[in-house]
């Protein structure tokens, strides 16, 4: 399992939320979940703790992307975080359960 982060400074000025998320996803392999988080977000910490064993089990990677400092991401996701973004661009926002994410990972793994 690799947990990585992606920051605005790395994206060389990309300001669109979709461009930024896409930049972060392309930085890594396809079997990756992106977790959109915020600063001081207790639900985000909870979601990350929930996802860690799942990505290990499925041999996926977890990329944590903070929406902090990205106006578009903050506008789009501030009241929705934590949000899991799958490689195909589909999203699962909070609340979610371990079973829901496990099922979605299974579906996504079999469709790759």
PDB file of N, CA and C in Angstrom:
ATOM      1  N   UNK A   1       0.846  -1.177   0.000  1.00  0.00           N
ATOM      2  CA  UNK A   1       0.000   0.000   0.000  1.00  0.00           C
ATOM      3  C   UNK A   1       0.884   1.231   0.000  1.00  0.00           C
ATOM      4  N   UNK A   2       0.531   2.168  -0.829  1.00  0.00           N
ATOM      5  CA  UNK A   2       1.217   3.445  -0.856  1.00  0.00           C
ATOM      6  C   UNK A   2       0.181   4.519  -0.634  1.00  0.00           C
ATOM      7  N   UNK A   3       0.436   5.356   0.336  1.00  0.00           N
ATOM      8  CA  UNK A   3      -0.424   6.514   0.522  1.00  0.00           C
ATOM      9  C   UNK A   3       0.397   7.707   0.106  1.00  0.00           C
ATOM     10  N   UNK A   4      -0.115   8.467  -0.803  1.00  0.00           N
ATOM     11  CA  UNK A   4       0.592   9.618  -1.322  1.00  0.00           C
ATOM     12  C   UNK A   4      -0.334  10.810  -1.233  1.00  0.00           C
ATOM     13  N   UNK A   5       0.222  11.962  -1.406  1.00  0.00           N
ATOM     14  CA  UNK A   5      -0.585  13.171  -1.436  1.00  0.00           C
ATOM     15  C   UNK A   5      -0.286  13.916  -2.714  1.00  0.00           C
ATOM     16  N   UNK A   6      -1.169  14.792  -3.087  1.00  0.00           N
ATOM     17  CA  UNK A   6      -1.016  15.580  -4.289  1.00  0.00           C
ATOM     18  C   UNK A   6      -1.350  17.017  -3.919  1.00  0.00           C
ATOM     19  N   UNK A   7      -0.474  17.933  -4.281  1.00  0.00           N
ATOM     20  CA  UNK A   7      -0.705  19.323  -3.900  1.00  0.00           C
ATOM     21  C   UNK A   7      -0.824  20.203  -5.131  1.00  0.00           C
ATOM     22  N   UNK A   8      -1.427  21.358  -4.936  1.00  0.00           N
ATOM     23  CA  UNK A   8      -1.607  22.317  -6.019  1.00  0.00           C
ATOM     24  C   UNK A   8      -0.270  22.717  -6.640  1.00  0.00           C
ATOM     25  N   UNK A   9       0.772  22.838  -5.847  1.00  0.00           N
ATOM     26  CA  UNK A   9       2.064  23.284  -6.373  1.00  0.00           C
ATOM     27  C   UNK A   9       2.615  22.302  -7.406  1.00  0.00           C
ATOM     28  N   UNK A  10       2.286  21.034  -7.277  1.00  0.00           N
ATOM     29  CA  UNK A  10       2.757  20.033  -8.234  1.00  0.00           C
ATOM     30  C   UNK A  10       2.036  20.131  -9.570  1.00  0.00           C
ATOM     31  N   UNK A  11       0.828  20.649  -9.562  1.00  0.00           N
ATOM     32  CA  UNK A  11       0.002  20.613 -10.769  1.00  0.00           C
ATOM     33  C   UNK A  11       0.308  21.748 -11.726  1.00  0.00           C
ATOM     34  N   UNK A  12       1.279  22.581 -11.408  1.00  0.00           N
ATOM     35  CA  UNK A  12       1.727  23.669 -12.276  1.00  0.00           C
ATOM     36  C   UNK A  12       0.588  24.577 -12.709  1.00  0.00           C
ATOM     37  N   UNK A  13      -0.218  24.984 -11.735  1.00  0.00           N
ATOM     38  CA  UNK A  13      -1.228  25.997 -12.004  1.00  0.00           C
ATOM     39  C   UNK A  13      -2.574  25.497 -12.465  1.00  0.00           C
ATOM     40  N   UNK A  14      -2.787  24.214 -12.558  1.00  0.00           N
ATOM     41  CA  UNK A  14      -4.099  23.712 -12.939  1.00  0.00           C
ATOM     42  C   UNK A  14      -5.118  24.137 -11.890  1.00  0.00           C
ATOM     43  N   UNK A  15      -6.154  24.834 -12.314  1.00  0.00           N
ATOM     44  CA  UNK A  15      -7.115  25.331 -11.339  1.00  0.00           C
ATOM     45  C   UNK A  15      -8.453  24.623 -11.416  1.00  0.00           C
ATOM     46  N   UNK A  16      -8.751  23.977 -12.513  1.00  0.00           N
ATOM     47  CA  UNK A  16     -10.021  23.269 -12.627  1.00  0.00           C
ATOM     48  C   UNK A  16      -9.990  22.036 -11.733  1.00  0.00           C
ATOM     49  N   UNK A  17     -11.108  21.794 -11.041  1.00  0.00           N
ATOM     50  CA  UNK A  17     -11.129  20.648 -10.134  1.00  0.00           C
ATOM     51  C   UNK A  17     -10.919  19.338 -10.883  1.00  0.00           C
ATOM     52  N   UNK A  18     -11.511  19.184 -12.056  1.00  0.00           N
ATOM     53  CA  UNK A  18     -11.337  17.943 -12.808  1.00  0.00           C
ATOM     54  C   UNK A  18      -9.911  17.800 -13.308  1.00  0.00           C
ATOM     55  N   UNK A  19      -9.306  18.906 -13.780  1.00  0.00           N
ATOM     56  CA  UNK A  19      -7.914  18.854 -14.225  1.00  0.00           C
ATOM     57  C   UNK A  19      -6.991  18.465 -13.084  1.00  0.00           C
ATOM     58  N   UNK A  20      -7.234  19.031 -11.912  1.00  0.00           N
ATOM     59  CA  UNK A  20      -6.377  18.753 -10.764  1.00  0.00           C
ATOM     60  C   UNK A  20      -6.498  17.297 -10.336  1.00  0.00           C
ATOM     61  N   UNK A  21      -7.721  16.794 -10.254  1.00  0.00           N
ATOM     62  CA  UNK A  21      -7.915  15.393  -9.873  1.00  0.00           C
ATOM     63  C   UNK A  21      -7.288  14.481 -10.924  1.00  0.00           C
ATOM     64  N   UNK A  22      -7.473  14.806 -12.197  1.00  0.00           N
ATOM     65  CA  UNK A  22      -6.893  14.004 -13.272  1.00  0.00           C
ATOM     66  C   UNK A  22      -5.367  14.032 -13.200  1.00  0.00           C
ATOM     67  N   UNK A  23      -4.792  15.195 -12.940  1.00  0.00           N
ATOM     68  CA  UNK A  23      -3.339  15.293 -12.776  1.00  0.00           C
ATOM     69  C   UNK A  23      -2.862  14.356 -11.671  1.00  0.00           C
ATOM     70  N   UNK A  24      -3.553  14.392 -10.552  1.00  0.00           N
ATOM     71  CA  UNK A  24      -3.159  13.559  -9.417  1.00  0.00           C
ATOM     72  C   UNK A  24      -3.293  12.079  -9.740  1.00  0.00           C
ATOM     73  N   UNK A  25      -4.361  11.711 -10.444  1.00  0.00           N
ATOM     74  CA  UNK A  25      -4.560  10.301 -10.796  1.00  0.00           C
ATOM     75  C   UNK A  25      -3.495   9.824 -11.772  1.00  0.00           C
ATOM     76  N   UNK A  26      -3.153  10.644 -12.745  1.00  0.00           N
ATOM     77  CA  UNK A  26      -2.169  10.228 -13.749  1.00  0.00           C
ATOM     78  C   UNK A  26      -0.769  10.104 -13.173  1.00  0.00           C
ATOM     79  N   UNK A  27      -0.574  10.727 -12.048  1.00  0.00           N
ATOM     80  CA  UNK A  27       0.721  10.665 -11.387  1.00  0.00           C
ATOM     81  C   UNK A  27       1.015   9.241 -10.916  1.00  0.00           C
ATOM     82  N   UNK A  28       0.011   8.430 -10.855  1.00  0.00           N
ATOM     83  CA  UNK A  28       0.130   7.091 -10.272  1.00  0.00           C
ATOM     84  C   UNK A  28      -0.504   6.053 -11.186  1.00  0.00           C
ATOM     85  N   UNK A  29      -0.479   4.825 -10.748  1.00  0.00           N
ATOM     86  CA  UNK A  29      -1.015   3.725 -11.532  1.00  0.00           C
ATOM     87  C   UNK A  29      -2.546   3.707 -11.545  1.00  0.00           C
ATOM     88  N   UNK A  30      -3.109   2.875 -12.422  1.00  0.00           N
ATOM     89  CA  UNK A  30      -4.560   2.863 -12.600  1.00  0.00           C
ATOM     90  C   UNK A  30      -5.305   2.222 -11.432  1.00  0.00           C
ATOM     91  N   UNK A  31      -4.736   1.248 -10.768  1.00  0.00           N
ATOM     92  CA  UNK A  31      -5.406   0.608  -9.632  1.00  0.00           C
ATOM     93  C   UNK A  31      -5.252   1.477  -8.399  1.00  0.00           C
ATOM     94  N   UNK A  32      -5.922   2.579  -8.443  1.00  0.00           N
ATOM     95  CA  UNK A  32      -5.763   3.579  -7.403  1.00  0.00           C
ATOM     96  C   UNK A  32      -7.095   4.204  -7.027  1.00  0.00           C
ATOM     97  N   UNK A  33      -7.262   4.377  -5.751  1.00  0.00           N
ATOM     98  CA  UNK A  33      -8.373   5.169  -5.239  1.00  0.00           C
ATOM     99  C   UNK A  33      -7.822   6.530  -4.874  1.00  0.00           C
ATOM    100  N   UNK A  34      -8.584   7.557  -5.188  1.00  0.00           N
ATOM    101  CA  UNK A  34      -8.236   8.905  -4.767  1.00  0.00           C
ATOM    102  C   UNK A  34      -9.209   9.288  -3.670  1.00  0.00           C
ATOM    103  N   UNK A  35      -8.687   9.738  -2.551  1.00  0.00           N
ATOM    104  CA  UNK A  35      -9.518  10.176  -1.440  1.00  0.00           C
ATOM    105  C   UNK A  35      -9.392  11.683  -1.321  1.00  0.00           C
ATOM    106  N   UNK A  36     -10.489  12.372  -1.602  1.00  0.00           N
ATOM    107  CA  UNK A  36     -10.522  13.827  -1.451  1.00  0.00           C
ATOM    108  C   UNK A  36     -10.780  14.146   0.007  1.00  0.00           C
ATOM    109  N   UNK A  37      -9.900  14.959   0.583  1.00  0.00           N
ATOM    110  CA  UNK A  37      -9.969  15.271   2.001  1.00  0.00           C
ATOM    111  C   UNK A  37      -9.854  16.775   2.218  1.00  0.00           C
ATOM    112  N   UNK A  38     -10.026  17.159   3.458  1.00  0.00           N
ATOM    113  CA  UNK A  38      -9.850  18.554   3.850  1.00  0.00           C
ATOM    114  C   UNK A  38      -9.068  18.631   5.138  1.00  0.00           C
ATOM    115  N   UNK A  39      -8.675  19.833   5.494  1.00  0.00           N
ATOM    116  CA  UNK A  39      -7.922  19.993   6.736  1.00  0.00           C
ATOM    117  C   UNK A  39      -8.870  19.911   7.925  1.00  0.00           C
ATOM    118  N   UNK A  40      -8.381  19.304   8.981  1.00  0.00           N
ATOM    119  CA  UNK A  40      -9.158  19.129  10.220  1.00  0.00           C
ATOM    120  C   UNK A  40     -10.501  18.444   9.983  1.00  0.00           C
ATOM    121  N   UNK A  41     -10.506  17.443   9.128  1.00  0.00           N
ATOM    122  CA  UNK A  41     -11.731  16.721   8.774  1.00  0.00           C
ATOM    123  C   UNK A  41     -11.709  15.349   9.457  1.00  0.00           C
ATOM    124  N   UNK A  42     -12.442  15.222  10.554  1.00  0.00           N
ATOM    125  CA  UNK A  42     -12.430  13.947  11.284  1.00  0.00           C
ATOM    126  C   UNK A  42     -13.027  12.815  10.463  1.00  0.00           C
ATOM    127  N   UNK A  43     -14.001  13.110   9.613  1.00  0.00           N
ATOM    128  CA  UNK A  43     -14.567  12.066   8.757  1.00  0.00           C
ATOM    129  C   UNK A  43     -13.548  11.597   7.723  1.00  0.00           C
ATOM    130  N   UNK A  44     -12.697  12.508   7.285  1.00  0.00           N
ATOM    131  CA  UNK A  44     -11.649  12.145   6.331  1.00  0.00           C
ATOM    132  C   UNK A  44     -10.656  11.178   6.968  1.00  0.00           C
ATOM    133  N   UNK A  45     -10.285  11.435   8.210  1.00  0.00           N
ATOM    134  CA  UNK A  45      -9.385  10.524   8.928  1.00  0.00           C
ATOM    135  C   UNK A  45     -10.046   9.155   9.088  1.00  0.00           C
ATOM    136  N   UNK A  46     -11.312   9.170   9.377  1.00  0.00           N
ATOM    137  CA  UNK A  46     -12.070   7.922   9.531  1.00  0.00           C
ATOM    138  C   UNK A  46     -12.120   7.151   8.208  1.00  0.00           C
ATOM    139  N   UNK A  47     -12.379   7.876   7.117  1.00  0.00           N
ATOM    140  CA  UNK A  47     -12.443   7.238   5.799  1.00  0.00           C
ATOM    141  C   UNK A  47     -11.091   6.646   5.411  1.00  0.00           C
ATOM    142  N   UNK A  48     -10.015   7.382   5.670  1.00  0.00           N
ATOM    143  CA  UNK A  48      -8.682   6.885   5.340  1.00  0.00           C
ATOM    144  C   UNK A  48      -8.370   5.617   6.133  1.00  0.00           C
ATOM    145  N   UNK A  49      -8.717   5.608   7.403  1.00  0.00           N
ATOM    146  CA  UNK A  49      -8.504   4.418   8.230  1.00  0.00           C
ATOM    147  C   UNK A  49      -9.326   3.240   7.711  1.00  0.00           C
ATOM    148  N   UNK A  50     -10.499   3.515   7.183  1.00  0.00           N
ATOM    149  CA  UNK A  50     -11.359   2.476   6.627  1.00  0.00           C
ATOM    150  C   UNK A  50     -10.788   1.955   5.304  1.00  0.00           C
ATOM    151  N   UNK A  51     -10.241   2.842   4.490  1.00  0.00           N
ATOM    152  CA  UNK A  51      -9.764   2.463   3.164  1.00  0.00           C
ATOM    153  C   UNK A  51      -8.418   1.745   3.183  1.00  0.00           C
ATOM    154  N   UNK A  52      -7.569   2.058   4.138  1.00  0.00           N
ATOM    155  CA  UNK A  52      -6.230   1.455   4.172  1.00  0.00           C
ATOM    156  C   UNK A  52      -6.251  -0.066   4.064  1.00  0.00           C
ATOM    157  N   UNK A  53      -7.023  -0.789   4.893  1.00  0.00           N
ATOM    158  CA  UNK A  53      -7.024  -2.253   4.767  1.00  0.00           C
ATOM    159  C   UNK A  53      -7.607  -2.735   3.436  1.00  0.00           C
ATOM    160  N   UNK A  54      -8.540  -1.984   2.887  1.00  0.00           N
ATOM    161  CA  UNK A  54      -9.152  -2.392   1.619  1.00  0.00           C
ATOM    162  C   UNK A  54      -8.174  -2.282   0.462  1.00  0.00           C
ATOM    163  N   UNK A  55      -7.411  -1.204   0.409  1.00  0.00           N
ATOM    164  CA  UNK A  55      -6.457  -1.069  -0.695  1.00  0.00           C
ATOM    165  C   UNK A  55      -5.345  -2.107  -0.580  1.00  0.00           C
ATOM    166  N   UNK A  56      -4.980  -2.466   0.636  1.00  0.00           N
ATOM    167  CA  UNK A  56      -3.992  -3.534   0.828  1.00  0.00           C
ATOM    168  C   UNK A  56      -4.564  -4.855   0.328  1.00  0.00           C
ATOM    169  N   UNK A  57      -5.790  -5.147   0.735  1.00  0.00           N
ATOM    170  CA  UNK A  57      -6.459  -6.394   0.341  1.00  0.00           C
ATOM    171  C   UNK A  57      -6.580  -6.516  -1.174  1.00  0.00           C
ATOM    172  N   UNK A  58      -6.907  -5.430  -1.839  1.00  0.00           N
ATOM    173  CA  UNK A  58      -7.131  -5.446  -3.289  1.00  0.00           C
ATOM    174  C   UNK A  58      -5.875  -5.130  -4.091  1.00  0.00           C
ATOM    175  N   UNK A  59      -4.759  -4.859  -3.396  1.00  0.00           N
ATOM    176  CA  UNK A  59      -3.514  -4.466  -4.037  1.00  0.00           C
ATOM    177  C   UNK A  59      -3.706  -3.207  -4.889  1.00  0.00           C
ATOM    178  N   UNK A  60      -4.387  -2.247  -4.307  1.00  0.00           N
ATOM    179  CA  UNK A  60      -4.590  -0.951  -4.934  1.00  0.00           C
ATOM    180  C   UNK A  60      -3.716   0.064  -4.218  1.00  0.00           C
ATOM    181  N   UNK A  61      -3.730   1.269  -4.719  1.00  0.00           N
ATOM    182  CA  UNK A  61      -2.993   2.369  -4.125  1.00  0.00           C
ATOM    183  C   UNK A  61      -3.992   3.424  -3.674  1.00  0.00           C
ATOM    184  N   UNK A  62      -3.682   4.113  -2.594  1.00  0.00           N
ATOM    185  CA  UNK A  62      -4.537   5.185  -2.094  1.00  0.00           C
ATOM    186  C   UNK A  62      -3.802   6.510  -2.231  1.00  0.00           C
ATOM    187  N   UNK A  63      -4.396   7.430  -2.961  1.00  0.00           N
ATOM    188  CA  UNK A  63      -3.853   8.773  -3.134  1.00  0.00           C
ATOM    189  C   UNK A  63      -4.762   9.745  -2.405  1.00  0.00           C
ATOM    190  N   UNK A  64      -4.222  10.470  -1.467  1.00  0.00           N
ATOM    191  CA  UNK A  64      -4.999  11.460  -0.721  1.00  0.00           C
ATOM    192  C   UNK A  64      -4.780  12.826  -1.354  1.00  0.00           C
ATOM    193  N   UNK A  65      -5.873  13.476  -1.729  1.00  0.00           N
ATOM    194  CA  UNK A  65      -5.818  14.805  -2.330  1.00  0.00           C
ATOM    195  C   UNK A  65      -6.577  15.764  -1.432  1.00  0.00           C
ATOM    196  N   UNK A  66      -5.867  16.746  -0.919  1.00  0.00           N
ATOM    197  CA  UNK A  66      -6.514  17.763  -0.094  1.00  0.00           C
ATOM    198  C   UNK A  66      -7.157  18.804  -1.003  1.00  0.00           C
ATOM    199  N   UNK A  67      -8.391  19.141  -0.708  1.00  0.00           N
ATOM    200  CA  UNK A  67      -9.072  20.176  -1.485  1.00  0.00           C
ATOM    201  C   UNK A  67      -8.662  21.564  -1.013  1.00  0.00           C
ATOM    202  N   UNK A  68      -7.973  21.631   0.108  1.00  0.00           N
ATOM    203  CA  UNK A  68      -7.559  22.903   0.698  1.00  0.00           C
ATOM    204  C   UNK A  68      -6.643  23.661  -0.267  1.00  0.00           C
ATOM    205  N   UNK A  69      -6.982  24.900  -0.527  1.00  0.00           N
ATOM    206  CA  UNK A  69      -6.160  25.731  -1.394  1.00  0.00           C
ATOM    207  C   UNK A  69      -6.549  25.694  -2.857  1.00  0.00           C
ATOM    208  N   UNK A  70      -7.492  24.843  -3.218  1.00  0.00           N
ATOM    209  CA  UNK A  70      -7.965  24.785  -4.599  1.00  0.00           C
ATOM    210  C   UNK A  70      -9.410  25.262  -4.596  1.00  0.00           C
ATOM    211  N   UNK A  71      -9.628  26.466  -5.073  1.00  0.00           N
ATOM    212  CA  UNK A  71     -10.948  27.089  -5.007  1.00  0.00           C
ATOM    213  C   UNK A  71     -12.028  26.223  -5.655  1.00  0.00           C
ATOM    214  N   UNK A  72     -11.727  25.669  -6.820  1.00  0.00           N
ATOM    215  CA  UNK A  72     -12.716  24.836  -7.514  1.00  0.00           C
ATOM    216  C   UNK A  72     -13.053  23.576  -6.722  1.00  0.00           C
ATOM    217  N   UNK A  73     -12.010  22.915  -6.201  1.00  0.00           N
ATOM    218  CA  UNK A  73     -12.260  21.710  -5.411  1.00  0.00           C
ATOM    219  C   UNK A  73     -13.006  22.037  -4.132  1.00  0.00           C
ATOM    220  N   UNK A  74     -12.623  23.130  -3.482  1.00  0.00           N
ATOM    221  CA  UNK A  74     -13.319  23.529  -2.254  1.00  0.00           C
ATOM    222  C   UNK A  74     -14.793  23.798  -2.536  1.00  0.00           C
ATOM    223  N   UNK A  75     -15.062  24.486  -3.640  1.00  0.00           N
ATOM    224  CA  UNK A  75     -16.449  24.793  -3.997  1.00  0.00           C
ATOM    225  C   UNK A  75     -17.241  23.528  -4.314  1.00  0.00           C
ATOM    226  N   UNK A  76     -16.612  22.605  -5.016  1.00  0.00           N
ATOM    227  CA  UNK A  76     -17.310  21.390  -5.449  1.00  0.00           C
ATOM    228  C   UNK A  76     -17.453  20.350  -4.342  1.00  0.00           C
ATOM    229  N   UNK A  77     -16.482  20.286  -3.423  1.00  0.00           N
ATOM    230  CA  UNK A  77     -16.441  19.165  -2.488  1.00  0.00           C
ATOM    231  C   UNK A  77     -16.479  19.528  -1.009  1.00  0.00           C
ATOM    232  N   UNK A  78     -16.449  20.799  -0.654  1.00  0.00           N
ATOM    233  CA  UNK A  78     -16.308  21.192   0.760  1.00  0.00           C
ATOM    234  C   UNK A  78     -17.327  20.524   1.675  1.00  0.00           C
ATOM    235  N   UNK A  79     -18.574  20.436   1.247  1.00  0.00           N
ATOM    236  CA  UNK A  79     -19.593  19.830   2.115  1.00  0.00           C
ATOM    237  C   UNK A  79     -19.788  18.342   1.828  1.00  0.00           C
ATOM    238  N   UNK A  80     -18.998  17.795   0.899  1.00  0.00           N
ATOM    239  CA  UNK A  80     -19.147  16.386   0.531  1.00  0.00           C
ATOM    240  C   UNK A  80     -18.021  15.499   1.035  1.00  0.00           C
ATOM    241  N   UNK A  81     -16.892  16.082   1.422  1.00  0.00           N
ATOM    242  CA  UNK A  81     -15.741  15.260   1.796  1.00  0.00           C
ATOM    243  C   UNK A  81     -16.020  14.479   3.064  1.00  0.00           C
ATOM    244  N   UNK A  82     -15.410  13.321   3.147  1.00  0.00           N
ATOM    245  CA  UNK A  82     -14.485  12.693   2.219  1.00  0.00           C
ATOM    246  C   UNK A  82     -15.212  12.086   1.017  1.00  0.00           C
ATOM    247  N   UNK A  83     -14.526  12.086  -0.114  1.00  0.00           N
ATOM    248  CA  UNK A  83     -15.064  11.518  -1.347  1.00  0.00           C
ATOM    249  C   UNK A  83     -14.008  10.583  -1.929  1.00  0.00           C
ATOM    250  N   UNK A  84     -14.434   9.388  -2.294  1.00  0.00           N
ATOM    251  CA  UNK A  84     -13.562   8.428  -2.972  1.00  0.00           C
ATOM    252  C   UNK A  84     -13.798   8.576  -4.465  1.00  0.00           C
ATOM    253  N   UNK A  85     -12.707   8.738  -5.222  1.00  0.00           N
ATOM    254  CA  UNK A  85     -12.783   8.824  -6.681  1.00  0.00           C
ATOM    255  C   UNK A  85     -12.081   7.592  -7.243  1.00  0.00           C
ATOM    256  N   UNK A  86     -12.802   6.853  -8.087  1.00  0.00           N
ATOM    257  CA  UNK A  86     -12.272   5.643  -8.707  1.00  0.00           C
ATOM    258  C   UNK A  86     -11.567   6.000 -10.016  1.00  0.00           C
ATOM    259  N   UNK A  87     -10.730   5.105 -10.547  1.00  0.00           N
ATOM    260  CA  UNK A  87      -9.989   5.407 -11.777  1.00  0.00           C
ATOM    261  C   UNK A  87     -10.873   5.793 -12.963  1.00  0.00           C
ATOM    262  N   UNK A  88     -12.091   5.300 -12.998  1.00  0.00           N
ATOM    263  CA  UNK A  88     -12.981   5.648 -14.109  1.00  0.00           C
ATOM    264  C   UNK A  88     -13.662   7.000 -13.904  1.00  0.00           C
ATOM    265  N   UNK A  89     -13.342   7.681 -12.799  1.00  0.00           N
ATOM    266  CA  UNK A  89     -13.918   8.993 -12.523  1.00  0.00           C
ATOM    267  C   UNK A  89     -15.171   8.960 -11.672  1.00  0.00           C
ATOM    268  N   UNK A  90     -15.719   7.776 -11.440  1.00  0.00           N
ATOM    269  CA  UNK A  90     -16.910   7.697 -10.593  1.00  0.00           C
ATOM    270  C   UNK A  90     -16.529   8.016  -9.153  1.00  0.00           C
ATOM    271  N   UNK A  91     -17.500   8.492  -8.401  1.00  0.00           N
ATOM    272  CA  UNK A  91     -17.252   8.949  -7.037  1.00  0.00           C
ATOM    273  C   UNK A  91     -18.222   8.302  -6.057  1.00  0.00           C
ATOM    274  N   UNK A  92     -17.759   8.163  -4.843  1.00  0.00           N
ATOM    275  CA  UNK A  92     -18.611   7.731  -3.733  1.00  0.00           C
ATOM    276  C   UNK A  92     -18.326   8.678  -2.580  1.00  0.00           C
ATOM    277  N   UNK A  93     -19.335   9.475  -2.256  1.00  0.00           N
ATOM    278  CA  UNK A  93     -19.183  10.440  -1.176  1.00  0.00           C
ATOM    279  C   UNK A  93     -19.639   9.872   0.148  1.00  0.00           C
ATOM    280  N   UNK A  94     -19.202  10.521   1.192  1.00  0.00           N
ATOM    281  CA  UNK A  94     -19.577  10.146   2.553  1.00  0.00           C
ATOM    282  C   UNK A  94     -21.049  10.402   2.744  1.00  0.00           C
ATOM    283  N   UNK A  95     -21.779   9.548   3.426  1.00  0.00           N
ATOM    284  CA  UNK A  95     -21.296   8.388   4.165  1.00  0.00           C
ATOM    285  C   UNK A  95     -21.169   7.167   3.265  1.00  0.00           C
ATOM    286  N   UNK A  96     -20.172   6.347   3.568  1.00  0.00           N
ATOM    287  CA  UNK A  96     -20.029   5.048   2.918  1.00  0.00           C
ATOM    288  C   UNK A  96     -19.505   4.060   3.942  1.00  0.00           C
ATOM    289  N   UNK A  97     -19.759   2.799   3.650  1.00  0.00           N
ATOM    290  CA  UNK A  97     -19.323   1.738   4.554  1.00  0.00           C
ATOM    291  C   UNK A  97     -18.169   0.970   3.916  1.00  0.00           C
ATOM    292  N   UNK A  98     -17.499   0.207   4.732  1.00  0.00           N
ATOM    293  CA  UNK A  98     -16.436  -0.656   4.234  1.00  0.00           C
ATOM    294  C   UNK A  98     -16.991  -1.625   3.197  1.00  0.00           C
ATOM    295  N   UNK A  99     -18.155  -2.182   3.465  1.00  0.00           N
ATOM    296  CA  UNK A  99     -18.772  -3.142   2.540  1.00  0.00           C
ATOM    297  C   UNK A  99     -19.086  -2.492   1.192  1.00  0.00           C
ATOM    298  N   UNK A 100     -19.571  -1.266   1.200  1.00  0.00           N
ATOM    299  CA  UNK A 100     -19.875  -0.576  -0.060  1.00  0.00           C
ATOM    300  C   UNK A 100     -18.615  -0.356  -0.887  1.00  0.00           C
ATOM    301  N   UNK A 101     -17.566   0.119  -0.249  1.00  0.00           N
ATOM    302  CA  UNK A 101     -16.321   0.370  -0.973  1.00  0.00           C
ATOM    303  C   UNK A 101     -15.702  -0.940  -1.444  1.00  0.00           C
ATOM    304  N   UNK A 102     -15.756  -1.980  -0.629  1.00  0.00           N
ATOM    305  CA  UNK A 102     -15.236  -3.295  -1.029  1.00  0.00           C
ATOM    306  C   UNK A 102     -15.967  -3.788  -2.281  1.00  0.00           C
ATOM    307  N   UNK A 103     -17.301  -3.659  -2.292  1.00  0.00           N
ATOM    308  CA  UNK A 103     -18.084  -4.096  -3.451  1.00  0.00           C
ATOM    309  C   UNK A 103     -17.715  -3.280  -4.692  1.00  0.00           C
ATOM    310  N   UNK A 104     -17.601  -1.977  -4.538  1.00  0.00           N
ATOM    311  CA  UNK A 104     -17.228  -1.125  -5.669  1.00  0.00           C
ATOM    312  C   UNK A 104     -15.816  -1.437  -6.160  1.00  0.00           C
ATOM    313  N   UNK A 105     -14.899  -1.695  -5.252  1.00  0.00           N
ATOM    314  CA  UNK A 105     -13.545  -2.081  -5.652  1.00  0.00           C
ATOM    315  C   UNK A 105     -13.558  -3.376  -6.447  1.00  0.00           C
ATOM    316  N   UNK A 106     -14.368  -4.322  -6.005  1.00  0.00           N
ATOM    317  CA  UNK A 106     -14.484  -5.595  -6.720  1.00  0.00           C
ATOM    318  C   UNK A 106     -15.004  -5.362  -8.134  1.00  0.00           C
ATOM    319  N   UNK A 107     -16.032  -4.549  -8.250  1.00  0.00           N
ATOM    320  CA  UNK A 107     -16.591  -4.235  -9.568  1.00  0.00           C
ATOM    321  C   UNK A 107     -15.561  -3.536 -10.446  1.00  0.00           C
ATOM    322  N   UNK A 108     -14.855  -2.568  -9.879  1.00  0.00           N
ATOM    323  CA  UNK A 108     -13.867  -1.810 -10.649  1.00  0.00           C
ATOM    324  C   UNK A 108     -12.692  -2.699 -11.044  1.00  0.00           C
ATOM    325  N   UNK A 109     -12.254  -3.575 -10.150  1.00  0.00           N
ATOM    326  CA  UNK A 109     -11.127  -4.465 -10.442  1.00  0.00           C
ATOM    327  C   UNK A 109     -11.460  -5.413 -11.582  1.00  0.00           C
ATOM    328  N   UNK A 110     -12.674  -5.917 -11.599  1.00  0.00           N
ATOM    329  CA  UNK A 110     -13.055  -6.876 -12.639  1.00  0.00           C
ATOM    330  C   UNK A 110     -13.301  -6.207 -13.982  1.00  0.00           C
ATOM    331  N   UNK A 111     -13.501  -4.892 -13.984  1.00  0.00           N
ATOM    332  CA  UNK A 111     -13.765  -4.204 -15.250  1.00  0.00           C
ATOM    333  C   UNK A 111     -12.505  -3.601 -15.857  1.00  0.00           C
ATOM    334  N   UNK A 112     -11.365  -3.718 -15.170  1.00  0.00           N
ATOM    335  CA  UNK A 112     -10.119  -3.147 -15.706  1.00  0.00           C
ATOM    336  C   UNK A 112      -9.494  -4.066 -16.724  1.00  0.00           C
TER     337      UNK A 112
END
